[in-house]
C-alpha atoms as a PDB file:
ATOM      1  CA  MET A   1      14.139 126.529 -39.770  1.00  0.00           C
ATOM      2  CA  GLU A   2      14.541 126.939 -36.155  1.00  0.00           C
ATOM      3  CA  TYR A   3      12.341 125.114 -34.528  1.00  0.00           C
ATOM      4  CA  SER A   4      12.057 123.389 -30.361  1.00  0.00           C
ATOM      5  CA  THR A   5      10.040 120.078 -31.088  1.00  0.00           C
ATOM      6  CA  ILE A   6      11.257 119.020 -34.490  1.00  0.00           C
ATOM      7  CA  GLN A   7      14.273 119.590 -36.390  1.00  0.00           C
ATOM      8  CA  TYR A   8      14.548 119.964 -40.243  1.00  0.00           C
ATOM      9  CA  ARG A   9      17.150 119.734 -42.465  1.00  0.00           C
ATOM     10  CA  GLN A  10      18.058 118.805 -46.513  1.00  0.00           C
ATOM     11  CA  ALA A  11      18.953 115.549 -46.486  1.00  0.00           C
ATOM     12  CA  LYS A  12      19.841 115.426 -50.062  1.00  0.00           C
ATOM     13  CA  ASP A  13      19.330 117.824 -53.034  1.00  0.00           C
ATOM     14  CA  GLY A  14      15.330 118.198 -53.610  1.00  0.00           C
ATOM     15  CA  ILE A  15      14.373 115.880 -50.486  1.00  0.00           C
ATOM     16  CA  GLY A  16      14.146 117.538 -47.121  1.00  0.00           C
ATOM     17  CA  LEU A  17      13.672 115.914 -43.449  1.00  0.00           C
ATOM     18  CA  ILE A  18      11.488 116.171 -41.233  1.00  0.00           C
ATOM     19  CA  THR A  19      12.295 114.949 -37.373  1.00  0.00           C
ATOM     20  CA  LEU A  20       9.918 114.618 -34.773  1.00  0.00           C
ATOM     21  CA  ASN A  21      12.563 115.554 -31.863  1.00  0.00           C
ATOM     22  CA  ARG A  22      10.791 114.848 -28.244  1.00  0.00           C
ATOM     23  CA  PRO A  23      13.244 111.896 -27.625  1.00  0.00           C
ATOM     24  CA  GLU A  24      12.598 112.046 -23.658  1.00  0.00           C
ATOM     25  CA  LYS A  25       8.685 112.056 -24.642  1.00  0.00           C
ATOM     26  CA  ARG A  26       9.220 109.095 -26.824  1.00  0.00           C
ATOM     27  CA  ASN A  27       8.339 111.994 -29.725  1.00  0.00           C
ATOM     28  CA  ALA A  28       4.496 112.887 -27.980  1.00  0.00           C
ATOM     29  CA  ILE A  29       3.025 114.884 -30.553  1.00  0.00           C
ATOM     30  CA  ASN A  30       1.907 118.080 -28.761  1.00  0.00           C
ATOM     31  CA  ILE A  31       0.121 121.171 -29.833  1.00  0.00           C
ATOM     32  CA  GLN A  32       3.630 123.098 -30.191  1.00  0.00           C
ATOM     33  CA  MET A  33       4.986 120.239 -32.524  1.00  0.00           C
ATOM     34  CA  ARG A  34       1.738 119.971 -34.688  1.00  0.00           C
ATOM     35  CA  ILE A  35       2.238 123.864 -34.827  1.00  0.00           C
ATOM     36  CA  GLU A  36       6.107 123.504 -36.102  1.00  0.00           C
ATOM     37  CA  ILE A  37       4.883 120.305 -38.740  1.00  0.00           C
ATOM     38  CA  SER A  38       2.603 122.657 -40.018  1.00  0.00           C
ATOM     39  CA  ASP A  39       4.799 125.833 -40.364  1.00  0.00           C
ATOM     40  CA  CYS A  40       7.373 123.860 -41.792  1.00  0.00           C
ATOM     41  CA  LEU A  41       5.024 122.153 -44.792  1.00  0.00           C
ATOM     42  CA  CYS A  42       4.060 125.486 -45.698  1.00  0.00           C
ATOM     43  CA  LYS A  43       7.751 126.629 -46.213  1.00  0.00           C
ATOM     44  CA  LEU A  44       8.257 123.145 -48.096  1.00  0.00           C
ATOM     45  CA  GLU A  45       5.157 124.017 -49.993  1.00  0.00           C
ATOM     46  CA  GLN A  46       6.583 127.452 -51.296  1.00  0.00           C
ATOM     47  CA  SER A  47       9.831 126.203 -52.147  1.00  0.00           C
ATOM     48  CA  SER A  48      11.318 124.843 -55.242  1.00  0.00           C
ATOM     49  CA  ASP A  49      14.559 123.353 -53.859  1.00  0.00           C
ATOM     50  CA  ILE A  50      12.538 120.353 -52.145  1.00  0.00           C
ATOM     51  CA  ASN A  51      10.524 118.377 -53.840  1.00  0.00           C
ATOM     52  CA  VAL A  52      10.269 115.343 -51.433  1.00  0.00           C
ATOM     53  CA  VAL A  53       9.806 115.245 -47.571  1.00  0.00           C
ATOM     54  CA  ILE A  54      10.723 112.347 -44.967  1.00  0.00           C
ATOM     55  CA  PHE A  55       9.400 112.090 -41.716  1.00  0.00           C
ATOM     56  CA  THR A  56      11.249 110.042 -39.002  1.00  0.00           C
ATOM     57  CA  GLY A  57      11.273 110.208 -35.152  1.00  0.00           C
ATOM     58  CA  ALA A  58      14.475 111.031 -32.863  1.00  0.00           C
ATOM     59  CA  GLY A  59      15.659 108.188 -30.389  1.00  0.00           C
ATOM     60  CA  SER A  60      14.258 104.627 -30.511  1.00  0.00           C
ATOM     61  CA  SER A  61      10.610 105.798 -31.437  1.00  0.00           C
ATOM     62  CA  PHE A  62       8.756 107.094 -34.085  1.00  0.00           C
ATOM     63  CA  SER A  63       6.160 108.620 -32.273  1.00  0.00           C
ATOM     64  CA  ALA A  64       4.209 107.516 -29.070  1.00  0.00           C
ATOM     65  CA  GLY A  65       0.684 109.424 -30.041  1.00  0.00           C
ATOM     66  CA  PHE A  66      -0.711 112.636 -28.495  1.00  0.00           C
ATOM     67  CA  ASP A  67       0.937 114.568 -25.660  1.00  0.00           C
ATOM     68  CA  LEU A  68      -1.818 113.073 -23.410  1.00  0.00           C
ATOM     69  CA  ASN A  69      -0.569 115.623 -20.757  1.00  0.00           C
ATOM     70  CA  GLU A  70      -2.473 118.350 -22.570  1.00  0.00           C
ATOM     71  CA  PHE A  71      -6.000 116.606 -22.022  1.00  0.00           C
ATOM     72  CA  ASN A  72      -5.396 117.618 -18.539  1.00  0.00           C
ATOM     73  CA  ASN A  73      -5.564 121.673 -18.894  1.00  0.00           C
ATOM     74  CA  PRO A  74      -9.104 122.568 -20.131  1.00  0.00           C
ATOM     75  CA  SER A  75      -7.677 125.680 -20.668  1.00  0.00           C
ATOM     76  CA  ILE A  76      -6.069 124.788 -23.811  1.00  0.00           C
ATOM     77  CA  PHE A  77      -8.479 122.539 -25.012  1.00  0.00           C
ATOM     78  CA  ASP A  78      -9.507 124.818 -27.829  1.00  0.00           C
ATOM     79  CA  GLU A  79      -5.892 125.179 -28.636  1.00  0.00           C
ATOM     80  CA  LEU A  80      -5.456 121.317 -28.754  1.00  0.00           C
ATOM     81  CA  PHE A  81      -8.563 120.942 -31.046  1.00  0.00           C
ATOM     82  CA  LYS A  82      -7.631 123.755 -33.924  1.00  0.00           C
ATOM     83  CA  SER A  83      -4.015 122.733 -33.492  1.00  0.00           C
ATOM     84  CA  SER A  84      -5.006 118.850 -34.520  1.00  0.00           C
ATOM     85  CA  SER A  85      -7.069 119.548 -37.123  1.00  0.00           C
ATOM     86  CA  LYS A  86      -5.200 121.520 -38.845  1.00  0.00           C
ATOM     87  CA  TYR A  87      -1.835 119.483 -38.780  1.00  0.00           C
ATOM     88  CA  HIS A  88      -3.614 116.568 -40.269  1.00  0.00           C
ATOM     89  CA  ARG A  89      -5.232 118.436 -42.788  1.00  0.00           C
ATOM     90  CA  ASP A  90      -1.315 119.878 -43.740  1.00  0.00           C
ATOM     91  CA  ILE A  91      -0.018 116.510 -43.970  1.00  0.00           C
ATOM     92  CA  TRP A  92      -2.607 114.999 -46.476  1.00  0.00           C
ATOM     93  CA  LYS A  93      -2.943 118.080 -48.720  1.00  0.00           C
ATOM     94  CA  PHE A  94       0.491 118.236 -48.921  1.00  0.00           C
ATOM     95  CA  SER A  95       1.095 118.598 -52.652  1.00  0.00           C
ATOM     96  CA  LYS A  96       4.671 116.918 -52.884  1.00  0.00           C
ATOM     97  CA  PRO A  97       5.438 113.258 -52.217  1.00  0.00           C
ATOM     98  CA  THR A  98       6.120 112.066 -48.089  1.00  0.00           C
ATOM     99  CA  ILE A  99       7.921 109.169 -46.990  1.00  0.00           C
ATOM    100  CA  ALA A 100       7.387 107.841 -43.245  1.00  0.00           C
ATOM    101  CA  ALA A 101      10.574 106.098 -42.130  1.00  0.00           C
ATOM    102  CA  ILE A 102       9.115 104.626 -38.962  1.00  0.00           C
ATOM    103  CA  ASN A 103      11.821 104.145 -36.773  1.00  0.00           C
ATOM    104  CA  GLY A 104      10.215 102.438 -34.014  1.00  0.00           C
ATOM    105  CA  SER A 105       6.817 102.959 -32.391  1.00  0.00           C
ATOM    106  CA  ALA A 106       4.172 104.208 -34.188  1.00  0.00           C
ATOM    107  CA  MET A 107       1.242 104.797 -31.842  1.00  0.00           C
ATOM    108  CA  GLY A 108      -2.421 106.406 -31.777  1.00  0.00           C
ATOM    109  CA  GLY A 109      -1.588 109.711 -33.391  1.00  0.00           C
ATOM    110  CA  GLY A 110       2.189 108.631 -34.753  1.00  0.00           C
ATOM    111  CA  PHE A 111       0.389 105.763 -36.356  1.00  0.00           C
ATOM    112  CA  ASP A 112      -2.077 108.156 -38.204  1.00  0.00           C
ATOM    113  CA  LEU A 113       0.910 110.461 -39.302  1.00  0.00           C
ATOM    114  CA  ALA A 114       2.564 107.024 -40.948  1.00  0.00           C
ATOM    115  CA  THR A 115      -0.882 106.414 -42.724  1.00  0.00           C
ATOM    116  CA  LEU A 116      -1.396 109.973 -44.075  1.00  0.00           C
ATOM    117  CA  CYS A 117       1.937 109.619 -45.954  1.00  0.00           C
ATOM    118  CA  ASP A 118       2.319 108.292 -49.313  1.00  0.00           C
ATOM    119  CA  ILE A 119       5.038 105.623 -48.536  1.00  0.00           C
ATOM    120  CA  ARG A 120       6.083 103.895 -45.454  1.00  0.00           C
ATOM    121  CA  ILE A 121       8.680 102.088 -44.596  1.00  0.00           C
ATOM    122  CA  CYS A 122      10.035 100.915 -41.363  1.00  0.00           C
ATOM    123  CA  SER A 123      12.691  99.438 -39.385  1.00  0.00           C
ATOM    124  CA  ASP A 124      12.610  95.592 -37.991  1.00  0.00           C
ATOM    125  CA  SER A 125      11.822  97.303 -34.609  1.00  0.00           C
ATOM    126  CA  ALA A 126       8.799  98.926 -35.321  1.00  0.00           C
ATOM    127  CA  ILE A 127       5.469  98.598 -33.960  1.00  0.00           C
ATOM    128  CA  PHE A 128       1.925 100.211 -34.304  1.00  0.00           C
ATOM    129  CA  GLY A 129      -1.125 100.283 -33.158  1.00  0.00           C
ATOM    130  CA  HIS A 130      -4.231 102.715 -31.819  1.00  0.00           C
ATOM    131  CA  PRO A 131      -4.140 102.142 -27.702  1.00  0.00           C
ATOM    132  CA  GLU A 132      -6.019 105.227 -27.300  1.00  0.00           C
ATOM    133  CA  VAL A 133      -9.280 103.760 -28.278  1.00  0.00           C
ATOM    134  CA  LYS A 134      -9.359 101.822 -24.695  1.00  0.00           C
ATOM    135  CA  PHE A 135      -8.805 105.564 -23.008  1.00  0.00           C
ATOM    136  CA  GLY A 136     -12.098 106.296 -25.236  1.00  0.00           C
ATOM    137  CA  ALA A 137     -10.213 108.072 -28.257  1.00  0.00           C
ATOM    138  CA  PRO A 138     -11.968 107.136 -31.557  1.00  0.00           C
ATOM    139  CA  PRO A 139      -8.648 106.429 -34.062  1.00  0.00           C
ATOM    140  CA  LEU A 140      -8.461 108.004 -37.086  1.00  0.00           C
ATOM    141  CA  TYR A 141      -9.991 104.755 -39.647  1.00  0.00           C
ATOM    142  CA  THR A 142     -10.591 106.190 -43.068  1.00  0.00           C
ATOM    143  CA  PRO A 143      -6.858 106.684 -43.892  1.00  0.00           C
ATOM    144  CA  LEU A 144      -5.938 103.342 -42.814  1.00  0.00           C
ATOM    145  CA  ARG A 145      -8.676 101.340 -44.685  1.00  0.00           C
ATOM    146  CA  TRP A 146      -7.472 103.251 -48.307  1.00  0.00           C
ATOM    147  CA  ILE A 147      -4.334 101.247 -47.163  1.00  0.00           C
ATOM    148  CA  VAL A 148      -5.110  97.726 -45.628  1.00  0.00           C
ATOM    149  CA  LYS A 149      -8.711  97.535 -46.567  1.00  0.00           C
ATOM    150  CA  ASP A 150     -11.724  97.788 -44.242  1.00  0.00           C
ATOM    151  CA  GLY A 151     -11.420  94.674 -42.254  1.00  0.00           C
ATOM    152  CA  ILE A 152      -8.272  94.711 -41.049  1.00  0.00           C
ATOM    153  CA  ALA A 153      -8.902  98.690 -40.256  1.00  0.00           C
ATOM    154  CA  ARG A 154     -11.672  98.115 -38.445  1.00  0.00           C
ATOM    155  CA  GLU A 155     -10.098  95.551 -36.241  1.00  0.00           C
ATOM    156  CA  LEU A 156      -6.929  97.474 -35.661  1.00  0.00           C
ATOM    157  CA  CYS A 157      -9.299 100.249 -34.581  1.00  0.00           C
ATOM    158  CA  LEU A 158     -11.946  98.380 -32.387  1.00  0.00           C
ATOM    159  CA  THR A 159      -9.288  96.076 -30.750  1.00  0.00           C
ATOM    160  CA  GLY A 160      -6.411  98.898 -30.616  1.00  0.00           C
ATOM    161  CA  ARG A 161      -3.905  95.381 -31.012  1.00  0.00           C
ATOM    162  CA  LYS A 162      -0.282  96.442 -31.828  1.00  0.00           C
ATOM    163  CA  ILE A 163       1.271  94.948 -34.535  1.00  0.00           C
ATOM    164  CA  ASP A 164       4.750  93.955 -35.466  1.00  0.00           C
ATOM    165  CA  ALA A 165       6.583  95.064 -38.378  1.00  0.00           C
ATOM    166  CA  LYS A 166       6.502  92.138 -39.988  1.00  0.00           C
ATOM    167  CA  GLU A 167       2.458  92.334 -39.805  1.00  0.00           C
ATOM    168  CA  ALA A 168       2.560  95.448 -41.415  1.00  0.00           C
ATOM    169  CA  LEU A 169       4.457  94.033 -44.180  1.00  0.00           C
ATOM    170  CA  ARG A 170       2.082  91.384 -45.128  1.00  0.00           C
ATOM    171  CA  ILE A 171      -1.078  93.918 -44.147  1.00  0.00           C
ATOM    172  CA  GLY A 172       0.469  96.495 -46.487  1.00  0.00           C
ATOM    173  CA  LEU A 173       0.784  98.736 -44.128  1.00  0.00           C
ATOM    174  CA  VAL A 174       4.608  99.373 -45.193  1.00  0.00           C
ATOM    175  CA  SER A 175       5.991  98.557 -48.289  1.00  0.00           C
ATOM    176  CA  GLU A 176       9.215  97.288 -46.864  1.00  0.00           C
ATOM    177  CA  ILE A 177      11.174  96.427 -43.885  1.00  0.00           C
ATOM    178  CA  THR A 178      15.417  97.561 -43.154  1.00  0.00           C
ATOM    179  CA  ASN A 179      17.362  97.237 -40.127  1.00  0.00           C
ATOM    180  CA  SER A 180      17.389 100.276 -37.968  1.00  0.00           C
ATOM    181  CA  SER A 181      20.967 101.682 -39.574  1.00  0.00           C
ATOM    182  CA  ASP A 182      19.901 101.705 -43.175  1.00  0.00           C
ATOM    183  CA  LEU A 183      16.286 102.789 -42.418  1.00  0.00           C
ATOM    184  CA  LEU A 184      17.441 106.880 -42.848  1.00  0.00           C
ATOM    185  CA  ARG A 185      19.761 105.532 -46.083  1.00  0.00           C
ATOM    186  CA  ARG A 186      16.765 103.453 -47.757  1.00  0.00           C
ATOM    187  CA  ALA A 187      14.326 106.197 -47.201  1.00  0.00           C
ATOM    188  CA  ILE A 188      17.116 109.234 -49.196  1.00  0.00           C
ATOM    189  CA  GLU A 189      17.000 106.214 -51.479  1.00  0.00           C
ATOM    190  CA  ILE A 190      13.076 106.342 -52.561  1.00  0.00           C
ATOM    191  CA  GLY A 191      12.993 109.793 -52.406  1.00  0.00           C
ATOM    192  CA  GLU A 192      15.851 110.076 -54.980  1.00  0.00           C
ATOM    193  CA  THR A 193      14.384 107.429 -57.041  1.00  0.00           C
ATOM    194  CA  ILE A 194      10.666 109.881 -56.790  1.00  0.00           C
ATOM    195  CA  LEU A 195      12.853 112.916 -58.124  1.00  0.00           C
ATOM    196  CA  GLU A 196      13.706 111.269 -61.386  1.00  0.00           C
ATOM    197  CA  ALA A 197      10.529 112.018 -62.377  1.00  0.00           C
ATOM    198  CA  PRO A 198       9.664 115.604 -63.427  1.00  0.00           C
ATOM    199  CA  SER A 199       8.438 117.617 -60.488  1.00  0.00           C
ATOM    200  CA  ASP A 200       5.408 118.566 -62.147  1.00  0.00           C
ATOM    201  CA  THR A 201       4.237 115.016 -63.343  1.00  0.00           C
ATOM    202  CA  ILE A 202       4.734 113.802 -59.757  1.00  0.00           C
ATOM    203  CA  LYS A 203       2.941 116.551 -58.390  1.00  0.00           C
ATOM    204  CA  TYR A 204       0.197 115.739 -60.624  1.00  0.00           C
ATOM    205  CA  ILE A 205      -0.258 112.247 -59.427  1.00  0.00           C
ATOM    206  CA  LYS A 206      -0.054 113.681 -56.295  1.00  0.00           C
ATOM    207  CA  SER A 207      -2.726 115.903 -56.339  1.00  0.00           C
ATOM    208  CA  TYR A 208      -4.984 112.884 -57.573  1.00  0.00           C
ATOM    209  CA  PHE A 209      -3.665 110.710 -54.360  1.00  0.00           C
ATOM    210  CA  ILE A 210      -5.458 113.264 -52.518  1.00  0.00           C
ATOM    211  CA  GLY A 211      -8.176 114.303 -54.745  1.00  0.00           C
ATOM    212  CA  ASN A 212      -9.668 111.187 -56.028  1.00  0.00           C
ATOM    213  CA  THR A 213      -9.827 108.797 -53.268  1.00  0.00           C
ATOM    214  CA  GLU A 214     -13.768 108.722 -53.335  1.00  0.00           C
ATOM    215  CA  LYS A 215     -14.387 109.360 -57.130  1.00  0.00           C
ATOM    216  CA  GLY A 216     -15.549 106.516 -59.166  1.00  0.00           C
ATOM    217  CA  PHE A 217     -13.659 105.238 -62.480  1.00  0.00           C
ATOM    218  CA  GLU A 218     -15.127 107.689 -65.030  1.00  0.00           C
ATOM    219  CA  GLU A 219     -14.502 110.772 -62.516  1.00  0.00           C
ATOM    220  CA  SER A 220     -10.782 109.364 -61.883  1.00  0.00           C
ATOM    221  CA  PHE A 221     -10.227 108.383 -65.582  1.00  0.00           C
ATOM    222  CA  LEU A 222     -10.962 111.562 -66.561  1.00  0.00           C
ATOM    223  CA  ILE A 223      -8.521 113.419 -64.128  1.00  0.00           C
ATOM    224  CA  GLU A 224      -6.024 110.403 -64.145  1.00  0.00           C
ATOM    225  CA  HIS A 225      -5.997 109.683 -68.078  1.00  0.00           C
ATOM    226  CA  ASP A 226      -7.518 112.375 -70.044  1.00  0.00           C
ATOM    227  CA  LYS A 227      -6.801 115.598 -67.788  1.00  0.00           C
ATOM    228  CA  ALA A 228      -3.257 114.423 -67.386  1.00  0.00           C
ATOM    229  CA  PHE A 229      -2.829 113.735 -71.475  1.00  0.00           C
ATOM    230  CA  GLN A 230      -3.718 117.151 -72.284  1.00  0.00           C
ATOM    231  CA  ASP A 231      -1.946 119.090 -69.748  1.00  0.00           C
ATOM    232  CA  ILE A 232       0.970 116.845 -68.503  1.00  0.00           C
ATOM    233  CA  LEU A 233       1.768 114.659 -71.512  1.00  0.00           C
ATOM    234  CA  LEU A 234       1.354 115.889 -74.651  1.00  0.00           C
ATOM    235  CA  PRO A 235       2.798 119.297 -73.541  1.00  0.00           C
ATOM    236  CA  LYS A 236       6.101 117.445 -72.679  1.00  0.00           C
ATOM    237  CA  ALA A 237       5.805 115.668 -75.985  1.00  0.00           C
ATOM    238  CA  LYS A 238       5.798 118.689 -77.999  1.00  0.00           C
ATOM    239  CA  SER A 239       8.368 120.564 -76.401  1.00  0.00           C
ATOM    240  CA  ARG A 240      11.035 117.451 -76.931  1.00  0.00           C
ATOM    241  CA  PHE A 241       9.773 117.443 -81.206  1.00  0.00           C
ATOM    242  CA  SER A 242      10.262 120.851 -81.407  1.00  0.00           C
ATOM    243  CA  LEU A 243      13.657 120.565 -79.533  1.00  0.00           C
ATOM    244  CA  ARG A 244      14.459 117.327 -81.845  1.00  0.00           C
ATOM    245  CA  ASN A 245      13.466 119.812 -84.892  1.00  0.00           C
ATOM    246  CA  GLY A 246      15.945 122.711 -83.561  1.00  0.00           C
ATOM    247  CA  ARG A 247      12.885 124.586 -82.561  1.00  0.00           C
ATOM    248  CA  ARG A 248      12.519 126.519 -79.577  1.00  0.00           C
END
């Protein structure tokens, strides 16, 4: 896959790596990058060779957020909105696990990208924040509150305060901190651990990550237990039983 604002490569068997690749702009997310990420995820959705995707940034930043220069050109506002709306949904609804390997500052839209991933790890130099609120842009609140709960999410969205890697770990925004040189290796290790489980099971789990966020216990239990039992667990048990007894 050839792109101009991102790089894609297969990092290991089953693991794809998307690198935001505008280091001279601190990987600011523009229309072209959003279109390319959406296109790449669409292709990976259809690929049986890739079952985990890692996001990281080129250079010393994960992403500085949206490219503000595009907000100075009214002729592209319609494309700006459409590409943004689609890109965020494409990341959230992607059916395979995603890992954000946050290698530096993750601001505004870069912070949002991290919160839309399933797992977040960061380097010790990582910084997070929503400075866009100072310029009149409301941050994404809901994905953040699912991770760090309402009180902290409200405070970060309203103040635009920056937090470092240690605070991000303390509030549960990231699951671990590593040094910059080990970050990608560690993200790949996590991906390999995920791939130890059957791909259909992982995909089923990811489906209720996406679909059960606002459901109550009973609705969630029907999907996470009853349906999983009937559609995933018992068919695997029957298959293993048949193989043990020489039947296919």
